[in-house]
Amino acid sequence: MDIQQDQPIISPHVESKPSVCGGKPCVAGTRIRVWDIHVWHDLRGHTPAEIIAYYPQLTLADVHGALAFYYDHRDEVEAQIRAGEALADKMEAEQEADALHTDSGCGYRGLRWR
């Protein structure tokens, strides 16, 4: 199943809307990304019960649903994260390059004297 950013995902616990977190899959009705649940559980070692202690608006079913969605769509979710990181890196590089071009030569990088 390809993650479509212009359509909600049909799942009891996961949805994707362009207006919420850039279309990344989130727990339904929240801005908590599936990726965030994966990080808390798989990378930080928190149990689903600990996750709902951090996010009291979630249920155990929400956490398990988000994890199931992640495992079923791992490649697509990780591709979205990599694309977001690449965009952030590009924007940071462009900002640094712009700051170098606007250096006034007097130590106040980025300021323009008129």
PDB file of N, CA and C in Angstrom:
ATOM      1  N   MET A   1       0.845  -1.180   0.000  1.00  0.00           N
ATOM      2  CA  MET A   1       0.000   0.000   0.000  1.00  0.00           C
ATOM      3  C   MET A   1       0.886   1.238   0.000  1.00  0.00           C
ATOM      4  N   ASP A   2       0.706   2.089  -0.954  1.00  0.00           N
ATOM      5  CA  ASP A   2       1.483   3.308  -1.063  1.00  0.00           C
ATOM      6  C   ASP A   2       0.838   4.381  -0.194  1.00  0.00           C
ATOM      7  N   ILE A   3       1.657   5.081   0.601  1.00  0.00           N
ATOM      8  CA  ILE A   3       1.129   6.130   1.463  1.00  0.00           C
ATOM      9  C   ILE A   3       0.815   7.341   0.600  1.00  0.00           C
ATOM     10  N   GLN A   4      -0.443   7.689   0.515  1.00  0.00           N
ATOM     11  CA  GLN A   4      -0.893   8.839  -0.266  1.00  0.00           C
ATOM     12  C   GLN A   4      -1.014  10.035   0.661  1.00  0.00           C
ATOM     13  N   GLN A   5      -0.348  11.145   0.325  1.00  0.00           N
ATOM     14  CA  GLN A   5      -0.407  12.306   1.190  1.00  0.00           C
ATOM     15  C   GLN A   5      -1.687  13.105   0.991  1.00  0.00           C
ATOM     16  N   ASP A   6      -2.453  12.848  -0.053  1.00  0.00           N
ATOM     17  CA  ASP A   6      -3.658  13.632  -0.283  1.00  0.00           C
ATOM     18  C   ASP A   6      -4.918  12.909   0.175  1.00  0.00           C
ATOM     19  N   GLN A   7      -4.783  11.707   0.720  1.00  0.00           N
ATOM     20  CA  GLN A   7      -5.941  10.950   1.167  1.00  0.00           C
ATOM     21  C   GLN A   7      -5.681  10.381   2.565  1.00  0.00           C
ATOM     22  N   PRO A   8      -6.704  10.404   3.423  1.00  0.00           N
ATOM     23  CA  PRO A   8      -6.522   9.748   4.713  1.00  0.00           C
ATOM     24  C   PRO A   8      -6.303   8.250   4.513  1.00  0.00           C
ATOM     25  N   ILE A   9      -5.505   7.666   5.354  1.00  0.00           N
ATOM     26  CA  ILE A   9      -5.278   6.226   5.293  1.00  0.00           C
ATOM     27  C   ILE A   9      -6.427   5.544   6.015  1.00  0.00           C
ATOM     28  N   ILE A  10      -6.951   4.516   5.419  1.00  0.00           N
ATOM     29  CA  ILE A  10      -8.064   3.777   6.023  1.00  0.00           C
ATOM     30  C   ILE A  10      -7.480   2.814   7.047  1.00  0.00           C
ATOM     31  N   SER A  11      -7.574   3.209   8.299  1.00  0.00           N
ATOM     32  CA  SER A  11      -7.101   2.399   9.409  1.00  0.00           C
ATOM     33  C   SER A  11      -7.800   2.918  10.657  1.00  0.00           C
ATOM     34  N   PRO A  12      -8.173   2.040  11.545  1.00  0.00           N
ATOM     35  CA  PRO A  12      -8.869   2.516  12.739  1.00  0.00           C
ATOM     36  C   PRO A  12      -8.021   3.449  13.607  1.00  0.00           C
ATOM     37  N   HIS A  13      -6.689   3.313  13.537  1.00  0.00           N
ATOM     38  CA  HIS A  13      -5.839   4.067  14.452  1.00  0.00           C
ATOM     39  C   HIS A  13      -4.826   4.983  13.780  1.00  0.00           C
ATOM     40  N   VAL A  14      -4.741   4.949  12.462  1.00  0.00           N
ATOM     41  CA  VAL A  14      -3.731   5.737  11.753  1.00  0.00           C
ATOM     42  C   VAL A  14      -4.381   6.461  10.595  1.00  0.00           C
ATOM     43  N   GLU A  15      -3.990   7.742  10.429  1.00  0.00           N
ATOM     44  CA  GLU A  15      -4.476   8.516   9.294  1.00  0.00           C
ATOM     45  C   GLU A  15      -3.343   9.382   8.764  1.00  0.00           C
ATOM     46  N   SER A  16      -3.518   9.834   7.535  1.00  0.00           N
ATOM     47  CA  SER A  16      -2.550  10.711   6.907  1.00  0.00           C
ATOM     48  C   SER A  16      -3.308  11.801   6.181  1.00  0.00           C
ATOM     49  N   LYS A  17      -3.066  13.046   6.590  1.00  0.00           N
ATOM     50  CA  LYS A  17      -3.728  14.189   5.974  1.00  0.00           C
ATOM     51  C   LYS A  17      -2.666  15.222   5.628  1.00  0.00           C
ATOM     52  N   PRO A  18      -2.779  15.864   4.462  1.00  0.00           N
ATOM     53  CA  PRO A  18      -1.772  16.856   4.086  1.00  0.00           C
ATOM     54  C   PRO A  18      -1.635  17.985   5.102  1.00  0.00           C
ATOM     55  N   SER A  19      -2.706  18.311   5.804  1.00  0.00           N
ATOM     56  CA  SER A  19      -2.684  19.424   6.751  1.00  0.00           C
ATOM     57  C   SER A  19      -2.140  19.045   8.133  1.00  0.00           C
ATOM     58  N   VAL A  20      -1.819  17.772   8.335  1.00  0.00           N
ATOM     59  CA  VAL A  20      -1.324  17.307   9.630  1.00  0.00           C
ATOM     60  C   VAL A  20       0.050  16.676   9.437  1.00  0.00           C
ATOM     61  N   CYS A  21       1.044  17.283  10.029  1.00  0.00           N
ATOM     62  CA  CYS A  21       2.423  16.768   9.993  1.00  0.00           C
ATOM     63  C   CYS A  21       2.909  16.497   8.566  1.00  0.00           C
ATOM     64  N   GLY A  22       2.518  17.354   7.654  1.00  0.00           N
ATOM     65  CA  GLY A  22       2.985  17.218   6.273  1.00  0.00           C
ATOM     66  C   GLY A  22       2.536  15.947   5.585  1.00  0.00           C
ATOM     67  N   GLY A  23       1.441  15.367   6.061  1.00  0.00           N
ATOM     68  CA  GLY A  23       0.924  14.150   5.435  1.00  0.00           C
ATOM     69  C   GLY A  23       1.543  12.864   5.953  1.00  0.00           C
ATOM     70  N   LYS A  24       2.458  12.980   6.920  1.00  0.00           N
ATOM     71  CA  LYS A  24       3.061  11.763   7.474  1.00  0.00           C
ATOM     72  C   LYS A  24       2.006  11.025   8.298  1.00  0.00           C
ATOM     73  N   PRO A  25       2.050   9.694   8.305  1.00  0.00           N
ATOM     74  CA  PRO A  25       1.058   8.926   9.066  1.00  0.00           C
ATOM     75  C   PRO A  25       1.110   9.260  10.553  1.00  0.00           C
ATOM     76  N   CYS A  26      -0.059   9.545  11.113  1.00  0.00           N
ATOM     77  CA  CYS A  26      -0.190   9.908  12.530  1.00  0.00           C
ATOM     78  C   CYS A  26      -1.264   9.044  13.178  1.00  0.00           C
ATOM     79  N   VAL A  27      -1.188   8.961  14.497  1.00  0.00           N
ATOM     80  CA  VAL A  27      -2.268   8.325  15.236  1.00  0.00           C
ATOM     81  C   VAL A  27      -3.523   9.160  14.957  1.00  0.00           C
ATOM     82  N   ALA A  28      -4.603   8.503  14.606  1.00  0.00           N
ATOM     83  CA  ALA A  28      -5.842   9.184  14.215  1.00  0.00           C
ATOM     84  C   ALA A  28      -6.272  10.211  15.261  1.00  0.00           C
ATOM     85  N   GLY A  29      -6.578  11.418  14.770  1.00  0.00           N
ATOM     86  CA  GLY A  29      -7.057  12.484  15.632  1.00  0.00           C
ATOM     87  C   GLY A  29      -5.974  13.210  16.417  1.00  0.00           C
ATOM     88  N   THR A  30      -4.699  12.905  16.129  1.00  0.00           N
ATOM     89  CA  THR A  30      -3.591  13.548  16.843  1.00  0.00           C
ATOM     90  C   THR A  30      -2.543  14.012  15.837  1.00  0.00           C
ATOM     91  N   ARG A  31      -1.528  14.678  16.348  1.00  0.00           N
ATOM     92  CA  ARG A  31      -0.357  15.047  15.556  1.00  0.00           C
ATOM     93  C   ARG A  31       0.840  14.173  15.947  1.00  0.00           C
ATOM     94  N   ILE A  32       0.572  13.053  16.603  1.00  0.00           N
ATOM     95  CA  ILE A  32       1.628  12.125  17.010  1.00  0.00           C
ATOM     96  C   ILE A  32       1.881  11.169  15.843  1.00  0.00           C
ATOM     97  N   ARG A  33       3.095  11.271  15.289  1.00  0.00           N
ATOM     98  CA  ARG A  33       3.416  10.484  14.104  1.00  0.00           C
ATOM     99  C   ARG A  33       3.665   9.013  14.450  1.00  0.00           C
ATOM    100  N   VAL A  34       3.347   8.151  13.508  1.00  0.00           N
ATOM    101  CA  VAL A  34       3.673   6.725  13.633  1.00  0.00           C
ATOM    102  C   VAL A  34       5.171   6.589  13.916  1.00  0.00           C
ATOM    103  N   TRP A  35       5.971   7.410  13.233  1.00  0.00           N
ATOM    104  CA  TRP A  35       7.422   7.383  13.424  1.00  0.00           C
ATOM    105  C   TRP A  35       7.782   7.636  14.893  1.00  0.00           C
ATOM    106  N   ASP A  36       7.092   8.575  15.541  1.00  0.00           N
ATOM    107  CA  ASP A  36       7.373   8.885  16.947  1.00  0.00           C
ATOM    108  C   ASP A  36       7.115   7.674  17.839  1.00  0.00           C
ATOM    109  N   ILE A  37       6.021   6.989  17.587  1.00  0.00           N
ATOM    110  CA  ILE A  37       5.693   5.787  18.373  1.00  0.00           C
ATOM    111  C   ILE A  37       6.770   4.726  18.151  1.00  0.00           C
ATOM    112  N   HIS A  38       7.163   4.542  16.900  1.00  0.00           N
ATOM    113  CA  HIS A  38       8.239   3.583  16.579  1.00  0.00           C
ATOM    114  C   HIS A  38       9.516   3.938  17.341  1.00  0.00           C
ATOM    115  N   VAL A  39       9.904   5.202  17.351  1.00  0.00           N
ATOM    116  CA  VAL A  39      11.127   5.623  18.036  1.00  0.00           C
ATOM    117  C   VAL A  39      11.024   5.332  19.530  1.00  0.00           C
ATOM    118  N   TRP A  40       9.905   5.723  20.139  1.00  0.00           N
ATOM    119  CA  TRP A  40       9.740   5.477  21.571  1.00  0.00           C
ATOM    120  C   TRP A  40       9.814   3.984  21.892  1.00  0.00           C
ATOM    121  N   HIS A  41       9.184   3.169  21.063  1.00  0.00           N
ATOM    122  CA  HIS A  41       9.111   1.731  21.353  1.00  0.00           C
ATOM    123  C   HIS A  41      10.360   0.981  20.927  1.00  0.00           C
ATOM    124  N   ASP A  42      10.703   1.078  19.651  1.00  0.00           N
ATOM    125  CA  ASP A  42      11.763   0.233  19.101  1.00  0.00           C
ATOM    126  C   ASP A  42      13.169   0.775  19.355  1.00  0.00           C
ATOM    127  N   LEU A  43      13.330   2.075  19.376  1.00  0.00           N
ATOM    128  CA  LEU A  43      14.668   2.630  19.528  1.00  0.00           C
ATOM    129  C   LEU A  43      14.995   3.034  20.963  1.00  0.00           C
ATOM    130  N   ARG A  44      13.985   3.434  21.726  1.00  0.00           N
ATOM    131  CA  ARG A  44      14.219   3.835  23.115  1.00  0.00           C
ATOM    132  C   ARG A  44      13.809   2.761  24.116  1.00  0.00           C
ATOM    133  N   GLY A  45      13.128   1.725  23.645  1.00  0.00           N
ATOM    134  CA  GLY A  45      12.802   0.598  24.502  1.00  0.00           C
ATOM    135  C   GLY A  45      11.632   0.778  25.445  1.00  0.00           C
ATOM    136  N   HIS A  46      10.765   1.765  25.173  1.00  0.00           N
ATOM    137  CA  HIS A  46       9.603   1.969  26.040  1.00  0.00           C
ATOM    138  C   HIS A  46       8.493   0.981  25.689  1.00  0.00           C
ATOM    139  N   THR A  47       7.775   0.549  26.699  1.00  0.00           N
ATOM    140  CA  THR A  47       6.638  -0.342  26.482  1.00  0.00           C
ATOM    141  C   THR A  47       5.441   0.491  26.019  1.00  0.00           C
ATOM    142  N   PRO A  48       4.440  -0.145  25.406  1.00  0.00           N
ATOM    143  CA  PRO A  48       3.224   0.599  25.060  1.00  0.00           C
ATOM    144  C   PRO A  48       2.605   1.298  26.267  1.00  0.00           C
ATOM    145  N   ALA A  49       2.630   0.669  27.438  1.00  0.00           N
ATOM    146  CA  ALA A  49       2.075   1.299  28.646  1.00  0.00           C
ATOM    147  C   ALA A  49       2.858   2.557  29.012  1.00  0.00           C
ATOM    148  N   GLU A  50       4.171   2.523  28.861  1.00  0.00           N
ATOM    149  CA  GLU A  50       4.980   3.716  29.137  1.00  0.00           C
ATOM    150  C   GLU A  50       4.692   4.821  28.123  1.00  0.00           C
ATOM    151  N   ILE A  51       4.471   4.438  26.878  1.00  0.00           N
ATOM    152  CA  ILE A  51       4.181   5.430  25.834  1.00  0.00           C
ATOM    153  C   ILE A  51       2.880   6.153  26.146  1.00  0.00           C
ATOM    154  N   ILE A  52       1.853   5.410  26.580  1.00  0.00           N
ATOM    155  CA  ILE A  52       0.593   6.112  26.885  1.00  0.00           C
ATOM    156  C   ILE A  52       0.705   6.947  28.158  1.00  0.00           C
ATOM    157  N   ALA A  53       1.690   6.657  29.008  1.00  0.00           N
ATOM    158  CA  ALA A  53       1.939   7.535  30.153  1.00  0.00           C
ATOM    159  C   ALA A  53       2.475   8.887  29.665  1.00  0.00           C
ATOM    160  N   TYR A  54       3.286   8.870  28.610  1.00  0.00           N
ATOM    161  CA  TYR A  54       3.807  10.104  28.014  1.00  0.00           C
ATOM    162  C   TYR A  54       2.752  10.818  27.179  1.00  0.00           C
ATOM    163  N   TYR A  55       1.887  10.035  26.543  1.00  0.00           N
ATOM    164  CA  TYR A  55       0.835  10.562  25.669  1.00  0.00           C
ATOM    165  C   TYR A  55      -0.517  10.077  26.186  1.00  0.00           C
ATOM    166  N   PRO A  56      -1.061  10.677  27.242  1.00  0.00           N
ATOM    167  CA  PRO A  56      -2.288  10.158  27.855  1.00  0.00           C
ATOM    168  C   PRO A  56      -3.509  10.202  26.944  1.00  0.00           C
ATOM    169  N   GLN A  57      -3.446  10.946  25.841  1.00  0.00           N
ATOM    170  CA  GLN A  57      -4.568  10.963  24.910  1.00  0.00           C
ATOM    171  C   GLN A  57      -4.625   9.698  24.056  1.00  0.00           C
ATOM    172  N   LEU A  58      -3.583   8.877  24.118  1.00  0.00           N
ATOM    173  CA  LEU A  58      -3.550   7.631  23.351  1.00  0.00           C
ATOM    174  C   LEU A  58      -4.071   6.466  24.179  1.00  0.00           C
ATOM    175  N   THR A  59      -4.540   5.463  23.453  1.00  0.00           N
ATOM    176  CA  THR A  59      -4.923   4.195  24.082  1.00  0.00           C
ATOM    177  C   THR A  59      -3.882   3.148  23.719  1.00  0.00           C
ATOM    178  N   LEU A  60      -3.915   2.025  24.418  1.00  0.00           N
ATOM    179  CA  LEU A  60      -3.022   0.920  24.043  1.00  0.00           C
ATOM    180  C   LEU A  60      -3.276   0.489  22.601  1.00  0.00           C
ATOM    181  N   ALA A  61      -4.542   0.492  22.203  1.00  0.00           N
ATOM    182  CA  ALA A  61      -4.875   0.116  20.821  1.00  0.00           C
ATOM    183  C   ALA A  61      -4.251   1.090  19.822  1.00  0.00           C
ATOM    184  N   ASP A  62      -4.217   2.401  20.162  1.00  0.00           N
ATOM    185  CA  ASP A  62      -3.578   3.381  19.285  1.00  0.00           C
ATOM    186  C   ASP A  62      -2.098   3.071  19.103  1.00  0.00           C
ATOM    187  N   VAL A  63      -1.420   2.778  20.206  1.00  0.00           N
ATOM    188  CA  VAL A  63       0.016   2.489  20.150  1.00  0.00           C
ATOM    189  C   VAL A  63       0.264   1.226  19.340  1.00  0.00           C
ATOM    190  N   HIS A  64      -0.491   0.168  19.617  1.00  0.00           N
ATOM    191  CA  HIS A  64      -0.305  -1.083  18.876  1.00  0.00           C
ATOM    192  C   HIS A  64      -0.681  -0.910  17.405  1.00  0.00           C
ATOM    193  N   GLY A  65      -1.719  -0.122  17.137  1.00  0.00           N
ATOM    194  CA  GLY A  65      -2.104   0.145  15.753  1.00  0.00           C
ATOM    195  C   GLY A  65      -1.025   0.906  15.000  1.00  0.00           C
ATOM    196  N   ALA A  66      -0.415   1.895  15.665  1.00  0.00           N
ATOM    197  CA  ALA A  66       0.673   2.657  15.038  1.00  0.00           C
ATOM    198  C   ALA A  66       1.878   1.766  14.779  1.00  0.00           C
ATOM    199  N   LEU A  67       2.207   0.911  15.736  1.00  0.00           N
ATOM    200  CA  LEU A  67       3.333   0.001  15.544  1.00  0.00           C
ATOM    201  C   LEU A  67       3.052  -0.996  14.425  1.00  0.00           C
ATOM    202  N   ALA A  68       1.828  -1.530  14.375  1.00  0.00           N
ATOM    203  CA  ALA A  68       1.471  -2.459  13.295  1.00  0.00           C
ATOM    204  C   ALA A  68       1.569  -1.761  11.942  1.00  0.00           C
ATOM    205  N   PHE A  69       1.097  -0.517  11.880  1.00  0.00           N
ATOM    206  CA  PHE A  69       1.183   0.232  10.629  1.00  0.00           C
ATOM    207  C   PHE A  69       2.644   0.428  10.237  1.00  0.00           C
ATOM    208  N   TYR A  70       3.484   0.793  11.210  1.00  0.00           N
ATOM    209  CA  TYR A  70       4.905   0.975  10.915  1.00  0.00           C
ATOM    210  C   TYR A  70       5.512  -0.311  10.369  1.00  0.00           C
ATOM    211  N   TYR A  71       5.254  -1.438  11.015  1.00  0.00           N
ATOM    212  CA  TYR A  71       5.847  -2.696  10.558  1.00  0.00           C
ATOM    213  C   TYR A  71       5.329  -3.094   9.179  1.00  0.00           C
ATOM    214  N   ASP A  72       4.067  -2.816   8.893  1.00  0.00           N
ATOM    215  CA  ASP A  72       3.494  -3.140   7.586  1.00  0.00           C
ATOM    216  C   ASP A  72       3.983  -2.216   6.478  1.00  0.00           C
ATOM    217  N   HIS A  73       4.383  -0.983   6.834  1.00  0.00           N
ATOM    218  CA  HIS A  73       4.751   0.039   5.840  1.00  0.00           C
ATOM    219  C   HIS A  73       6.111   0.658   6.148  1.00  0.00           C
ATOM    220  N   ARG A  74       6.984  -0.125   6.712  1.00  0.00           N
ATOM    221  CA  ARG A  74       8.286   0.370   7.167  1.00  0.00           C
ATOM    222  C   ARG A  74       9.048   1.135   6.088  1.00  0.00           C
ATOM    223  N   ASP A  75       9.173   0.562   4.899  1.00  0.00           N
ATOM    224  CA  ASP A  75       9.949   1.210   3.838  1.00  0.00           C
ATOM    225  C   ASP A  75       9.372   2.575   3.470  1.00  0.00           C
ATOM    226  N   GLU A  76       8.060   2.656   3.373  1.00  0.00           N
ATOM    227  CA  GLU A  76       7.422   3.918   2.988  1.00  0.00           C
ATOM    228  C   GLU A  76       7.561   4.973   4.090  1.00  0.00           C
ATOM    229  N   VAL A  77       7.363   4.573   5.335  1.00  0.00           N
ATOM    230  CA  VAL A  77       7.481   5.516   6.451  1.00  0.00           C
ATOM    231  C   VAL A  77       8.919   6.015   6.543  1.00  0.00           C
ATOM    232  N   GLU A  78       9.882   5.121   6.447  1.00  0.00           N
ATOM    233  CA  GLU A  78      11.278   5.525   6.537  1.00  0.00           C
ATOM    234  C   GLU A  78      11.694   6.385   5.347  1.00  0.00           C
ATOM    235  N   ALA A  79      11.127   6.127   4.164  1.00  0.00           N
ATOM    236  CA  ALA A  79      11.419   6.964   2.998  1.00  0.00           C
ATOM    237  C   ALA A  79      10.909   8.385   3.220  1.00  0.00           C
ATOM    238  N   GLN A  80       9.733   8.526   3.827  1.00  0.00           N
ATOM    239  CA  GLN A  80       9.210   9.858   4.136  1.00  0.00           C
ATOM    240  C   GLN A  80      10.118  10.589   5.117  1.00  0.00           C
ATOM    241  N   ILE A  81      10.613   9.894   6.117  1.00  0.00           N
ATOM    242  CA  ILE A  81      11.498  10.507   7.103  1.00  0.00           C
ATOM    243  C   ILE A  81      12.801  10.929   6.431  1.00  0.00           C
ATOM    244  N   ARG A  82      13.378  10.055   5.598  1.00  0.00           N
ATOM    245  CA  ARG A  82      14.617  10.404   4.896  1.00  0.00           C
ATOM    246  C   ARG A  82      14.414  11.604   3.981  1.00  0.00           C
ATOM    247  N   ALA A  83      13.284  11.659   3.294  1.00  0.00           N
ATOM    248  CA  ALA A  83      12.995  12.795   2.408  1.00  0.00           C
ATOM    249  C   ALA A  83      12.892  14.087   3.216  1.00  0.00           C
ATOM    250  N   GLY A  84      12.257  14.035   4.368  1.00  0.00           N
ATOM    251  CA  GLY A  84      12.150  15.205   5.228  1.00  0.00           C
ATOM    252  C   GLY A  84      13.509  15.656   5.744  1.00  0.00           C
ATOM    253  N   GLU A  85      14.354  14.698   6.114  1.00  0.00           N
ATOM    254  CA  GLU A  85      15.691  15.040   6.583  1.00  0.00           C
ATOM    255  C   GLU A  85      16.532  15.634   5.457  1.00  0.00           C
ATOM    256  N   ALA A  86      16.397  15.092   4.250  1.00  0.00           N
ATOM    257  CA  ALA A  86      17.139  15.620   3.099  1.00  0.00           C
ATOM    258  C   ALA A  86      16.701  17.051   2.797  1.00  0.00           C
ATOM    259  N   LEU A  87      15.409  17.311   2.872  1.00  0.00           N
ATOM    260  CA  LEU A  87      14.911  18.667   2.643  1.00  0.00           C
ATOM    261  C   LEU A  87      15.440  19.620   3.706  1.00  0.00           C
ATOM    262  N   ALA A  88      15.447  19.195   4.958  1.00  0.00           N
ATOM    263  CA  ALA A  88      15.964  20.035   6.042  1.00  0.00           C
ATOM    264  C   ALA A  88      17.442  20.320   5.837  1.00  0.00           C
ATOM    265  N   ASP A  89      18.230  19.310   5.430  1.00  0.00           N
ATOM    266  CA  ASP A  89      19.651  19.510   5.169  1.00  0.00           C
ATOM    267  C   ASP A  89      19.860  20.499   4.024  1.00  0.00           C
ATOM    268  N   LYS A  90      19.063  20.366   2.973  1.00  0.00           N
ATOM    269  CA  LYS A  90      19.178  21.264   1.825  1.00  0.00           C
ATOM    270  C   LYS A  90      18.855  22.703   2.233  1.00  0.00           C
ATOM    271  N   MET A  91      17.790  22.876   2.997  1.00  0.00           N
ATOM    272  CA  MET A  91      17.404  24.219   3.435  1.00  0.00           C
ATOM    273  C   MET A  91      18.476  24.834   4.335  1.00  0.00           C
ATOM    274  N   GLU A  92      19.069  24.025   5.202  1.00  0.00           N
ATOM    275  CA  GLU A  92      20.124  24.520   6.081  1.00  0.00           C
ATOM    276  C   GLU A  92      21.346  24.948   5.267  1.00  0.00           C
ATOM    277  N   ALA A  93      21.719  24.140   4.275  1.00  0.00           N
ATOM    278  CA  ALA A  93      22.862  24.487   3.424  1.00  0.00           C
ATOM    279  C   ALA A  93      22.594  25.769   2.644  1.00  0.00           C
ATOM    280  N   GLU A  94      21.369  25.920   2.134  1.00  0.00           N
ATOM    281  CA  GLU A  94      21.019  27.130   1.394  1.00  0.00           C
ATOM    282  C   GLU A  94      21.048  28.348   2.311  1.00  0.00           C
ATOM    283  N   GLN A  95      20.601  28.187   3.537  1.00  0.00           N
ATOM    284  CA  GLN A  95      20.608  29.294   4.490  1.00  0.00           C
ATOM    285  C   GLN A  95      22.046  29.696   4.829  1.00  0.00           C
ATOM    286  N   GLU A  96      22.912  28.711   5.027  1.00  0.00           N
ATOM    287  CA  GLU A  96      24.311  29.003   5.312  1.00  0.00           C
ATOM    288  C   GLU A  96      24.972  29.700   4.126  1.00  0.00           C
ATOM    289  N   ALA A  97      24.678  29.232   2.911  1.00  0.00           N
ATOM    290  CA  ALA A  97      25.247  29.855   1.714  1.00  0.00           C
ATOM    291  C   ALA A  97      24.751  31.288   1.582  1.00  0.00           C
ATOM    292  N   ASP A  98      23.475  31.512   1.851  1.00  0.00           N
ATOM    293  CA  ASP A  98      22.915  32.858   1.767  1.00  0.00           C
ATOM    294  C   ASP A  98      23.570  33.768   2.798  1.00  0.00           C
ATOM    295  N   ALA A  99      23.815  33.243   4.001  1.00  0.00           N
ATOM    296  CA  ALA A  99      24.452  34.040   5.046  1.00  0.00           C
ATOM    297  C   ALA A  99      25.859  34.438   4.637  1.00  0.00           C
ATOM    298  N   LEU A 100      26.581  33.557   3.946  1.00  0.00           N
ATOM    299  CA  LEU A 100      27.925  33.884   3.478  1.00  0.00           C
ATOM    300  C   LEU A 100      27.887  34.983   2.418  1.00  0.00           C
ATOM    301  N   HIS A 101      26.899  34.960   1.563  1.00  0.00           N
ATOM    302  CA  HIS A 101      26.784  35.949   0.494  1.00  0.00           C
ATOM    303  C   HIS A 101      26.375  37.320   1.017  1.00  0.00           C
ATOM    304  N   THR A 102      25.754  37.376   2.166  1.00  0.00           N
ATOM    305  CA  THR A 102      25.299  38.659   2.699  1.00  0.00           C
ATOM    306  C   THR A 102      26.228  39.166   3.795  1.00  0.00           C
ATOM    307  N   ASP A 103      27.399  38.548   3.958  1.00  0.00           N
ATOM    308  CA  ASP A 103      28.366  38.991   4.968  1.00  0.00           C
ATOM    309  C   ASP A 103      28.850  40.392   4.620  1.00  0.00           C
ATOM    310  N   SER A 104      28.728  41.316   5.545  1.00  0.00           N
ATOM    311  CA  SER A 104      29.112  42.710   5.302  1.00  0.00           C
ATOM    312  C   SER A 104      30.616  42.922   5.406  1.00  0.00           C
ATOM    313  N   GLY A 105      31.337  41.896   5.841  1.00  0.00           N
ATOM    314  CA  GLY A 105      32.779  42.028   5.957  1.00  0.00           C
ATOM    315  C   GLY A 105      33.216  42.625   7.273  1.00  0.00           C
ATOM    316  N   CYS A 106      32.296  42.979   8.138  1.00  0.00           N
ATOM    317  CA  CYS A 106      32.669  43.593   9.412  1.00  0.00           C
ATOM    318  C   CYS A 106      32.270  42.715  10.601  1.00  0.00           C
ATOM    319  N   GLY A 107      32.084  41.452  10.350  1.00  0.00           N
ATOM    320  CA  GLY A 107      31.786  40.541  11.433  1.00  0.00           C
ATOM    321  C   GLY A 107      30.308  40.368  11.743  1.00  0.00           C
ATOM    322  N   TYR A 108      29.457  41.094  11.081  1.00  0.00           N
ATOM    323  CA  TYR A 108      28.012  40.983  11.293  1.00  0.00           C
ATOM    324  C   TYR A 108      27.403  40.226  10.124  1.00  0.00           C
ATOM    325  N   ARG A 109      27.648  38.953  10.098  1.00  0.00           N
ATOM    326  CA  ARG A 109      27.201  38.120   8.990  1.00  0.00           C
ATOM    327  C   ARG A 109      25.674  38.126   8.909  1.00  0.00           C
ATOM    328  N   GLY A 110      25.185  38.359   7.727  1.00  0.00           N
ATOM    329  CA  GLY A 110      23.754  38.317   7.507  1.00  0.00           C
ATOM    330  C   GLY A 110      23.082  39.678   7.551  1.00  0.00           C
ATOM    331  N   LEU A 111      23.757  40.700   8.067  1.00  0.00           N
ATOM    332  CA  LEU A 111      23.171  42.028   8.106  1.00  0.00           C
ATOM    333  C   LEU A 111      23.470  42.772   6.810  1.00  0.00           C
ATOM    334  N   ARG A 112      22.530  43.499   6.345  1.00  0.00           N
ATOM    335  CA  ARG A 112      22.734  44.295   5.149  1.00  0.00           C
ATOM    336  C   ARG A 112      22.620  45.766   5.500  1.00  0.00           C
ATOM    337  N   TRP A 113      23.637  46.517   5.165  1.00  0.00           N
ATOM    338  CA  TRP A 113      23.625  47.962   5.417  1.00  0.00           C
ATOM    339  C   TRP A 113      23.074  48.670   4.214  1.00  0.00           C
ATOM    340  N   ARG A 114      22.204  49.605   4.428  1.00  0.00           N
ATOM    341  CA  ARG A 114      21.626  50.350   3.315  1.00  0.00           C
ATOM    342  C   ARG A 114      21.937  51.806   3.456  1.00  0.00           C
TER     343      ARG A 114
END
